[in-house]
Full PDB file with SEQRES, HELIX, SHEET, SSBOND, CRYST1, ORIGX, SCALE, CONECT and MASTER records, all heavy atoms in Angstrom:
SEQRES   1 A   31  GLY SER THR ASN TYR ALA ASP SER VAL LYS GLY ARG PHE          
SEQRES   2 A   31  THR ILE SER ARG ASP ASN ALA LYS ASN THR VAL TYR LEU          
SEQRES   3 A   31  GLN MET ASN SER LEU                                          
HELIX    1 AA1 ASN A   19  LYS A   21  5                                   3    
SHEET    1 AA1 2 PHE A  13  ASP A  18  0                                        
SHEET    2 AA1 2 THR A  23  MET A  28 -1                                        
CRYST1    1.000    1.000    1.000  90.00  90.00  90.00 P 1           1          
ORIGX1      1.000000  0.000000  0.000000        0.00000                         
ORIGX2      0.000000  1.000000  0.000000        0.00000                         
ORIGX3      0.000000  0.000000  1.000000        0.00000                         
SCALE1      1.000000  0.000000  0.000000        0.00000                         
SCALE2      0.000000  1.000000  0.000000        0.00000                         
SCALE3      0.000000  0.000000  1.000000        0.00000                         
ATOM      1  N   GLY A   1       0.780  -1.217  -0.002  1.00  0.00           N  
ATOM      2  CA  GLY A   1       0.021   0.013  -0.018  1.00  0.00           C  
ATOM      3  C   GLY A   1       0.797   1.263  -0.018  1.00  0.00           C  
ATOM      4  O   GLY A   1       0.200   2.354  -0.056  1.00  0.00           O  
ATOM      5  N   SER A   2       2.111   1.170   0.111  1.00  0.00           N  
ATOM      6  CA  SER A   2       2.976   2.388   0.064  1.00  0.00           C  
ATOM      7  C   SER A   2       2.829   3.068  -1.280  1.00  0.00           C  
ATOM      8  O   SER A   2       2.737   2.404  -2.324  1.00  0.00           O  
ATOM      9  CB  SER A   2       4.393   2.007   0.324  1.00  0.00           C  
ATOM     10  OG  SER A   2       4.578   1.383   1.617  1.00  0.00           O  
ATOM     11  N   THR A   3       2.900   4.373  -1.245  1.00  0.00           N  
ATOM     12  CA  THR A   3       2.804   5.155  -2.451  1.00  0.00           C  
ATOM     13  C   THR A   3       3.907   6.116  -2.607  1.00  0.00           C  
ATOM     14  O   THR A   3       4.550   6.468  -1.570  1.00  0.00           O  
ATOM     15  CB  THR A   3       1.467   5.945  -2.505  1.00  0.00           C  
ATOM     16  OG1 THR A   3       1.393   6.847  -1.341  1.00  0.00           O  
ATOM     17  CG2 THR A   3       0.250   5.032  -2.443  1.00  0.00           C  
ATOM     18  N   ASN A   4       4.146   6.558  -3.766  1.00  0.00           N  
ATOM     19  CA  ASN A   4       5.070   7.718  -4.019  1.00  0.00           C  
ATOM     20  C   ASN A   4       4.604   8.431  -5.207  1.00  0.00           C  
ATOM     21  O   ASN A   4       3.892   7.920  -6.089  1.00  0.00           O  
ATOM     22  CB  ASN A   4       6.528   7.247  -4.167  1.00  0.00           C  
ATOM     23  CG  ASN A   4       6.784   6.270  -5.254  1.00  0.00           C  
ATOM     24  OD1 ASN A   4       6.763   6.589  -6.418  1.00  0.00           O  
ATOM     25  ND2 ASN A   4       6.952   4.965  -4.884  1.00  0.00           N  
ATOM     26  N   TYR A   5       4.923   9.762  -5.215  1.00  0.00           N  
ATOM     27  CA  TYR A   5       4.416  10.662  -6.247  1.00  0.00           C  
ATOM     28  C   TYR A   5       5.534  11.586  -6.736  1.00  0.00           C  
ATOM     29  O   TYR A   5       6.504  11.877  -6.068  1.00  0.00           O  
ATOM     30  CB  TYR A   5       3.365  11.585  -5.685  1.00  0.00           C  
ATOM     31  CG  TYR A   5       2.118  10.805  -5.178  1.00  0.00           C  
ATOM     32  CD1 TYR A   5       2.019  10.412  -3.880  1.00  0.00           C  
ATOM     33  CD2 TYR A   5       1.044  10.589  -6.068  1.00  0.00           C  
ATOM     34  CE1 TYR A   5       0.912   9.740  -3.425  1.00  0.00           C  
ATOM     35  CE2 TYR A   5      -0.088   9.934  -5.583  1.00  0.00           C  
ATOM     36  CZ  TYR A   5      -0.140   9.539  -4.269  1.00  0.00           C  
ATOM     37  OH  TYR A   5      -1.264   8.848  -3.851  1.00  0.00           O  
ATOM     38  N   ALA A   6       5.423  11.962  -8.007  1.00  0.00           N  
ATOM     39  CA  ALA A   6       6.261  13.026  -8.498  1.00  0.00           C  
ATOM     40  C   ALA A   6       6.009  14.266  -7.700  1.00  0.00           C  
ATOM     41  O   ALA A   6       4.890  14.570  -7.344  1.00  0.00           O  
ATOM     42  CB  ALA A   6       6.007  13.212 -10.011  1.00  0.00           C  
ATOM     43  N   ASP A   7       7.071  15.066  -7.499  1.00  0.00           N  
ATOM     44  CA  ASP A   7       6.897  16.274  -6.768  1.00  0.00           C  
ATOM     45  C   ASP A   7       5.881  17.225  -7.400  1.00  0.00           C  
ATOM     46  O   ASP A   7       5.183  17.974  -6.709  1.00  0.00           O  
ATOM     47  CB  ASP A   7       8.259  17.047  -6.694  1.00  0.00           C  
ATOM     48  CG  ASP A   7       9.278  16.328  -5.737  1.00  0.00           C  
ATOM     49  OD1 ASP A   7       8.814  15.536  -4.900  1.00  0.00           O  
ATOM     50  OD2 ASP A   7      10.438  16.579  -5.893  1.00  0.00           O  
ATOM     51  N   SER A   8       5.779  17.189  -8.729  1.00  0.00           N  
ATOM     52  CA  SER A   8       4.903  18.124  -9.411  1.00  0.00           C  
ATOM     53  C   SER A   8       3.406  17.793  -9.215  1.00  0.00           C  
ATOM     54  O   SER A   8       2.568  18.659  -9.437  1.00  0.00           O  
ATOM     55  CB  SER A   8       5.140  18.049 -10.927  1.00  0.00           C  
ATOM     56  OG  SER A   8       4.981  16.688 -11.431  1.00  0.00           O  
ATOM     57  N   VAL A   9       3.068  16.641  -8.674  1.00  0.00           N  
ATOM     58  CA  VAL A   9       1.661  16.282  -8.433  1.00  0.00           C  
ATOM     59  C   VAL A   9       1.352  16.027  -6.993  1.00  0.00           C  
ATOM     60  O   VAL A   9       0.173  15.804  -6.674  1.00  0.00           O  
ATOM     61  CB  VAL A   9       1.305  15.034  -9.279  1.00  0.00           C  
ATOM     62  CG1 VAL A   9       1.631  15.270 -10.731  1.00  0.00           C  
ATOM     63  CG2 VAL A   9       1.914  13.786  -8.743  1.00  0.00           C  
ATOM     64  N   LYS A  10       2.316  16.070  -6.089  1.00  0.00           N  
ATOM     65  CA  LYS A  10       1.978  15.876  -4.677  1.00  0.00           C  
ATOM     66  C   LYS A  10       0.947  16.828  -4.168  1.00  0.00           C  
ATOM     67  O   LYS A  10       1.065  17.982  -4.402  1.00  0.00           O  
ATOM     68  CB  LYS A  10       3.290  15.952  -3.871  1.00  0.00           C  
ATOM     69  CG  LYS A  10       4.281  14.754  -4.023  1.00  0.00           C  
ATOM     70  CD  LYS A  10       5.495  14.924  -3.189  1.00  0.00           C  
ATOM     71  CE  LYS A  10       6.407  13.765  -3.365  1.00  0.00           C  
ATOM     72  NZ  LYS A  10       7.659  13.929  -2.509  1.00  0.00           N  
ATOM     73  N   GLY A  11       0.060  16.281  -3.461  1.00  0.00           N  
ATOM     74  CA  GLY A  11      -1.054  17.107  -2.858  1.00  0.00           C  
ATOM     75  C   GLY A  11      -2.189  17.269  -3.824  1.00  0.00           C  
ATOM     76  O   GLY A  11      -3.240  17.772  -3.404  1.00  0.00           O  
ATOM     77  N   ARG A  12      -2.045  16.903  -5.055  1.00  0.00           N  
ATOM     78  CA  ARG A  12      -3.106  17.080  -6.059  1.00  0.00           C  
ATOM     79  C   ARG A  12      -3.619  15.721  -6.586  1.00  0.00           C  
ATOM     80  O   ARG A  12      -4.807  15.573  -6.900  1.00  0.00           O  
ATOM     81  CB  ARG A  12      -2.626  17.953  -7.238  1.00  0.00           C  
ATOM     82  CG  ARG A  12      -2.204  19.349  -6.821  1.00  0.00           C  
ATOM     83  CD  ARG A  12      -1.945  20.210  -8.053  1.00  0.00           C  
ATOM     84  NE  ARG A  12      -0.817  19.686  -8.860  1.00  0.00           N  
ATOM     85  CZ  ARG A  12      -0.950  19.311 -10.149  1.00  0.00           C  
ATOM     86  NH1 ARG A  12      -2.129  19.433 -10.765  1.00  0.00           N  
ATOM     87  NH2 ARG A  12       0.100  18.855 -10.805  1.00  0.00           N  
ATOM     88  N   PHE A  13      -2.722  14.768  -6.738  1.00  0.00           N  
ATOM     89  CA  PHE A  13      -3.102  13.463  -7.268  1.00  0.00           C  
ATOM     90  C   PHE A  13      -3.041  12.428  -6.200  1.00  0.00           C  
ATOM     91  O   PHE A  13      -2.233  12.488  -5.265  1.00  0.00           O  
ATOM     92  CB  PHE A  13      -2.116  13.028  -8.398  1.00  0.00           C  
ATOM     93  CG  PHE A  13      -2.172  13.860  -9.686  1.00  0.00           C  
ATOM     94  CD1 PHE A  13      -2.900  15.029  -9.780  1.00  0.00           C  
ATOM     95  CD2 PHE A  13      -1.457  13.407 -10.802  1.00  0.00           C  
ATOM     96  CE1 PHE A  13      -2.961  15.758 -10.920  1.00  0.00           C  
ATOM     97  CE2 PHE A  13      -1.530  14.143 -11.977  1.00  0.00           C  
ATOM     98  CZ  PHE A  13      -2.269  15.306 -12.067  1.00  0.00           C  
ATOM     99  N   THR A  14      -3.896  11.410  -6.359  1.00  0.00           N  
ATOM    100  CA  THR A  14      -3.964  10.307  -5.482  1.00  0.00           C  
ATOM    101  C   THR A  14      -4.055   8.993  -6.238  1.00  0.00           C  
ATOM    102  O   THR A  14      -4.990   8.816  -7.035  1.00  0.00           O  
ATOM    103  CB  THR A  14      -5.167  10.410  -4.437  1.00  0.00           C  
ATOM    104  OG1 THR A  14      -4.993  11.613  -3.722  1.00  0.00           O  
ATOM    105  CG2 THR A  14      -5.069   9.287  -3.443  1.00  0.00           C  
ATOM    106  N   ILE A  15      -3.166   8.062  -5.972  1.00  0.00           N  
ATOM    107  CA  ILE A  15      -3.262   6.758  -6.583  1.00  0.00           C  
ATOM    108  C   ILE A  15      -3.935   5.799  -5.570  1.00  0.00           C  
ATOM    109  O   ILE A  15      -3.669   5.816  -4.419  1.00  0.00           O  
ATOM    110  CB  ILE A  15      -1.879   6.217  -7.019  1.00  0.00           C  
ATOM    111  CG1 ILE A  15      -2.015   4.913  -7.811  1.00  0.00           C  
ATOM    112  CG2 ILE A  15      -0.929   6.069  -5.891  1.00  0.00           C  
ATOM    113  CD1 ILE A  15      -0.713   4.448  -8.499  1.00  0.00           C  
ATOM    114  N   SER A  16      -4.793   4.941  -6.111  1.00  0.00           N  
ATOM    115  CA  SER A  16      -5.445   3.937  -5.249  1.00  0.00           C  
ATOM    116  C   SER A  16      -5.718   2.679  -6.058  1.00  0.00           C  
ATOM    117  O   SER A  16      -5.575   2.644  -7.313  1.00  0.00           O  
ATOM    118  CB  SER A  16      -6.701   4.474  -4.617  1.00  0.00           C  
ATOM    119  OG  SER A  16      -7.648   4.808  -5.625  1.00  0.00           O  
ATOM    120  N   ARG A  17      -6.078   1.638  -5.395  1.00  0.00           N  
ATOM    121  CA  ARG A  17      -6.305   0.404  -6.141  1.00  0.00           C  
ATOM    122  C   ARG A  17      -7.470  -0.397  -5.547  1.00  0.00           C  
ATOM    123  O   ARG A  17      -7.873  -0.180  -4.404  1.00  0.00           O  
ATOM    124  CB  ARG A  17      -5.053  -0.525  -6.039  1.00  0.00           C  
ATOM    125  CG  ARG A  17      -4.790  -0.991  -4.636  1.00  0.00           C  
ATOM    126  CD  ARG A  17      -3.451  -1.692  -4.472  1.00  0.00           C  
ATOM    127  NE  ARG A  17      -3.299  -2.059  -3.070  1.00  0.00           N  
ATOM    128  CZ  ARG A  17      -2.188  -2.406  -2.537  1.00  0.00           C  
ATOM    129  NH1 ARG A  17      -1.038  -2.353  -3.239  1.00  0.00           N  
ATOM    130  NH2 ARG A  17      -2.117  -2.783  -1.249  1.00  0.00           N  
ATOM    131  N   ASP A  18      -8.070  -1.271  -6.346  1.00  0.00           N  
ATOM    132  CA  ASP A  18      -9.076  -2.208  -5.921  1.00  0.00           C  
ATOM    133  C   ASP A  18      -8.549  -3.553  -6.303  1.00  0.00           C  
ATOM    134  O   ASP A  18      -8.655  -3.981  -7.465  1.00  0.00           O  
ATOM    135  CB  ASP A  18     -10.414  -1.891  -6.557  1.00  0.00           C  
ATOM    136  CG  ASP A  18     -11.520  -2.749  -6.063  1.00  0.00           C  
ATOM    137  OD1 ASP A  18     -11.321  -3.921  -5.570  1.00  0.00           O  
ATOM    138  OD2 ASP A  18     -12.665  -2.325  -6.082  1.00  0.00           O  
ATOM    139  N   ASN A  19      -7.986  -4.259  -5.372  1.00  0.00           N  
ATOM    140  CA  ASN A  19      -7.327  -5.555  -5.660  1.00  0.00           C  
ATOM    141  C   ASN A  19      -8.292  -6.569  -6.193  1.00  0.00           C  
ATOM    142  O   ASN A  19      -7.972  -7.408  -7.046  1.00  0.00           O  
ATOM    143  CB  ASN A  19      -6.608  -6.099  -4.428  1.00  0.00           C  
ATOM    144  CG  ASN A  19      -5.376  -5.288  -4.086  1.00  0.00           C  
ATOM    145  OD1 ASN A  19      -4.778  -4.653  -4.917  1.00  0.00           O  
ATOM    146  ND2 ASN A  19      -5.026  -5.299  -2.766  1.00  0.00           N  
ATOM    147  N   ALA A  20      -9.542  -6.604  -5.686  1.00  0.00           N  
ATOM    148  CA  ALA A  20     -10.527  -7.535  -6.120  1.00  0.00           C  
ATOM    149  C   ALA A  20     -10.881  -7.358  -7.535  1.00  0.00           C  
ATOM    150  O   ALA A  20     -11.241  -8.341  -8.243  1.00  0.00           O  
ATOM    151  CB  ALA A  20     -11.792  -7.410  -5.239  1.00  0.00           C  
ATOM    152  N   LYS A  21     -10.745  -6.166  -8.059  1.00  0.00           N  
ATOM    153  CA  LYS A  21     -11.098  -5.881  -9.455  1.00  0.00           C  
ATOM    154  C   LYS A  21      -9.869  -5.732 -10.390  1.00  0.00           C  
ATOM    155  O   LYS A  21     -10.029  -5.457 -11.529  1.00  0.00           O  
ATOM    156  CB  LYS A  21     -11.907  -4.589  -9.562  1.00  0.00           C  
ATOM    157  CG  LYS A  21     -13.223  -4.593  -8.869  1.00  0.00           C  
ATOM    158  CD  LYS A  21     -13.990  -3.323  -9.023  1.00  0.00           C  
ATOM    159  CE  LYS A  21     -15.390  -3.338  -8.404  1.00  0.00           C  
ATOM    160  NZ  LYS A  21     -16.092  -2.084  -8.504  1.00  0.00           N  
ATOM    161  N   ASN A  22      -8.678  -5.941  -9.809  1.00  0.00           N  
ATOM    162  CA  ASN A  22      -7.435  -5.750 -10.516  1.00  0.00           C  
ATOM    163  C   ASN A  22      -7.473  -4.373 -11.258  1.00  0.00           C  
ATOM    164  O   ASN A  22      -7.116  -4.326 -12.481  1.00  0.00           O  
ATOM    165  CB  ASN A  22      -7.208  -6.900 -11.525  1.00  0.00           C  
ATOM    166  CG  ASN A  22      -6.712  -8.156 -10.843  1.00  0.00           C  
ATOM    167  OD1 ASN A  22      -6.160  -8.139  -9.765  1.00  0.00           O  
ATOM    168  ND2 ASN A  22      -7.017  -9.295 -11.490  1.00  0.00           N  
ATOM    169  N   THR A  23      -7.796  -3.370 -10.531  1.00  0.00           N  
ATOM    170  CA  THR A  23      -7.946  -2.025 -11.066  1.00  0.00           C  
ATOM    171  C   THR A  23      -7.180  -0.975 -10.218  1.00  0.00           C  
ATOM    172  O   THR A  23      -7.207  -1.101  -8.994  1.00  0.00           O  
ATOM    173  CB  THR A  23      -9.384  -1.657 -11.172  1.00  0.00           C  
ATOM    174  OG1 THR A  23     -10.072  -2.590 -12.038  1.00  0.00           O  
ATOM    175  CG2 THR A  23      -9.595  -0.251 -11.762  1.00  0.00           C  
ATOM    176  N   VAL A  24      -6.590  -0.062 -10.881  1.00  0.00           N  
ATOM    177  CA  VAL A  24      -5.900   1.062 -10.206  1.00  0.00           C  
ATOM    178  C   VAL A  24      -6.509   2.321 -10.718  1.00  0.00           C  
ATOM    179  O   VAL A  24      -7.032   2.456 -11.895  1.00  0.00           O  
ATOM    180  CB  VAL A  24      -4.364   1.002 -10.508  1.00  0.00           C  
ATOM    181  CG1 VAL A  24      -4.051   1.306 -11.998  1.00  0.00           C  
ATOM    182  CG2 VAL A  24      -3.654   1.977  -9.585  1.00  0.00           C  
ATOM    183  N   TYR A  25      -6.489   3.346  -9.835  1.00  0.00           N  
ATOM    184  CA  TYR A  25      -7.088   4.653 -10.176  1.00  0.00           C  
ATOM    185  C   TYR A  25      -6.111   5.757  -9.903  1.00  0.00           C  
ATOM    186  O   TYR A  25      -5.190   5.608  -9.123  1.00  0.00           O  
ATOM    187  CB  TYR A  25      -8.306   4.857  -9.253  1.00  0.00           C  
ATOM    188  CG  TYR A  25      -9.407   3.782  -9.360  1.00  0.00           C  
ATOM    189  CD1 TYR A  25      -9.343   2.745  -8.420  1.00  0.00           C  
ATOM    190  CD2 TYR A  25     -10.374   3.781 -10.283  1.00  0.00           C  
ATOM    191  CE1 TYR A  25     -10.271   1.767  -8.426  1.00  0.00           C  
ATOM    192  CE2 TYR A  25     -11.293   2.782 -10.341  1.00  0.00           C  
ATOM    193  CZ  TYR A  25     -11.268   1.774  -9.453  1.00  0.00           C  
ATOM    194  OH  TYR A  25     -12.226   0.770  -9.501  1.00  0.00           O  
ATOM    195  N   LEU A  26      -6.321   6.851 -10.628  1.00  0.00           N  
ATOM    196  CA  LEU A  26      -5.587   8.067 -10.388  1.00  0.00           C  
ATOM    197  C   LEU A  26      -6.551   9.218 -10.302  1.00  0.00           C  
ATOM    198  O   LEU A  26      -7.144   9.612 -11.354  1.00  0.00           O  
ATOM    199  CB  LEU A  26      -4.546   8.297 -11.498  1.00  0.00           C  
ATOM    200  CG  LEU A  26      -3.631   9.493 -11.190  1.00  0.00           C  
ATOM    201  CD1 LEU A  26      -2.680   9.236 -10.004  1.00  0.00           C  
ATOM    202  CD2 LEU A  26      -2.778   9.797 -12.501  1.00  0.00           C  
ATOM    203  N   GLN A  27      -6.761   9.680  -9.106  1.00  0.00           N  
ATOM    204  CA  GLN A  27      -7.605  10.864  -8.947  1.00  0.00           C  
ATOM    205  C   GLN A  27      -6.803  12.114  -9.104  1.00  0.00           C  
ATOM    206  O   GLN A  27      -5.795  12.275  -8.391  1.00  0.00           O  
ATOM    207  CB  GLN A  27      -8.277  10.853  -7.520  1.00  0.00           C  
ATOM    208  CG  GLN A  27      -9.152  12.064  -7.231  1.00  0.00           C  
ATOM    209  CD  GLN A  27     -10.392  12.071  -8.146  1.00  0.00           C  
ATOM    210  OE1 GLN A  27     -11.073  11.074  -8.300  1.00  0.00           O  
ATOM    211  NE2 GLN A  27     -10.686  13.253  -8.693  1.00  0.00           N  
ATOM    212  N   MET A  28      -7.143  12.962 -10.026  1.00  0.00           N  
ATOM    213  CA  MET A  28      -6.410  14.118 -10.355  1.00  0.00           C  
ATOM    214  C   MET A  28      -7.196  15.387 -10.029  1.00  0.00           C  
ATOM    215  O   MET A  28      -8.277  15.557 -10.618  1.00  0.00           O  
ATOM    216  CB  MET A  28      -5.969  14.149 -11.820  1.00  0.00           C  
ATOM    217  CG  MET A  28      -5.167  12.946 -12.218  1.00  0.00           C  
ATOM    218  SD  MET A  28      -4.527  12.952 -13.882  1.00  0.00           S  
ATOM    219  CE  MET A  28      -6.086  12.929 -14.782  1.00  0.00           C  
ATOM    220  N   ASN A  29      -6.763  16.157  -9.097  1.00  0.00           N  
ATOM    221  CA  ASN A  29      -7.494  17.392  -8.703  1.00  0.00           C  
ATOM    222  C   ASN A  29      -6.618  18.605  -9.035  1.00  0.00           C  
ATOM    223  O   ASN A  29      -5.387  18.486  -9.200  1.00  0.00           O  
ATOM    224  CB  ASN A  29      -7.840  17.366  -7.249  1.00  0.00           C  
ATOM    225  CG  ASN A  29      -8.732  16.203  -6.854  1.00  0.00           C  
ATOM    226  OD1 ASN A  29      -9.619  15.848  -7.603  1.00  0.00           O  
ATOM    227  ND2 ASN A  29      -8.567  15.672  -5.676  1.00  0.00           N  
ATOM    228  N   SER A  30      -7.251  19.761  -9.007  1.00  0.00           N  
ATOM    229  CA  SER A  30      -6.517  21.007  -9.258  1.00  0.00           C  
ATOM    230  C   SER A  30      -5.646  20.938 -10.435  1.00  0.00           C  
ATOM    231  O   SER A  30      -4.455  21.298 -10.425  1.00  0.00           O  
ATOM    232  CB  SER A  30      -5.757  21.394  -8.014  1.00  0.00           C  
ATOM    233  OG  SER A  30      -6.602  21.560  -6.899  1.00  0.00           O  
ATOM    234  N   LEU A  31      -6.207  20.443 -11.567  1.00  0.00           N  
ATOM    235  CA  LEU A  31      -5.366  20.203 -12.732  1.00  0.00           C  
ATOM    236  C   LEU A  31      -4.874  21.517 -13.368  1.00  0.00           C  
ATOM    237  O   LEU A  31      -5.485  22.510 -13.346  1.00  0.00           O  
ATOM    238  CB  LEU A  31      -6.207  19.459 -13.762  1.00  0.00           C  
ATOM    239  CG  LEU A  31      -6.339  17.980 -13.467  1.00  0.00           C  
ATOM    240  CD1 LEU A  31      -7.501  17.352 -14.267  1.00  0.00           C  
ATOM    241  CD2 LEU A  31      -5.069  17.218 -13.824  1.00  0.00           C  
TER     242      LEU A  31                                                      
MASTER        0    0    0    1    2    0    0    6  241    1    0    3          
END                                                                             
């Protein structure tokens, strides 16, 4: 569950996953 981000997107983007669905997401805010 550990995450890391590029400095340019920290605080704005969030990566998450749904293991049961084999799916990953990227929520992008303040684009």
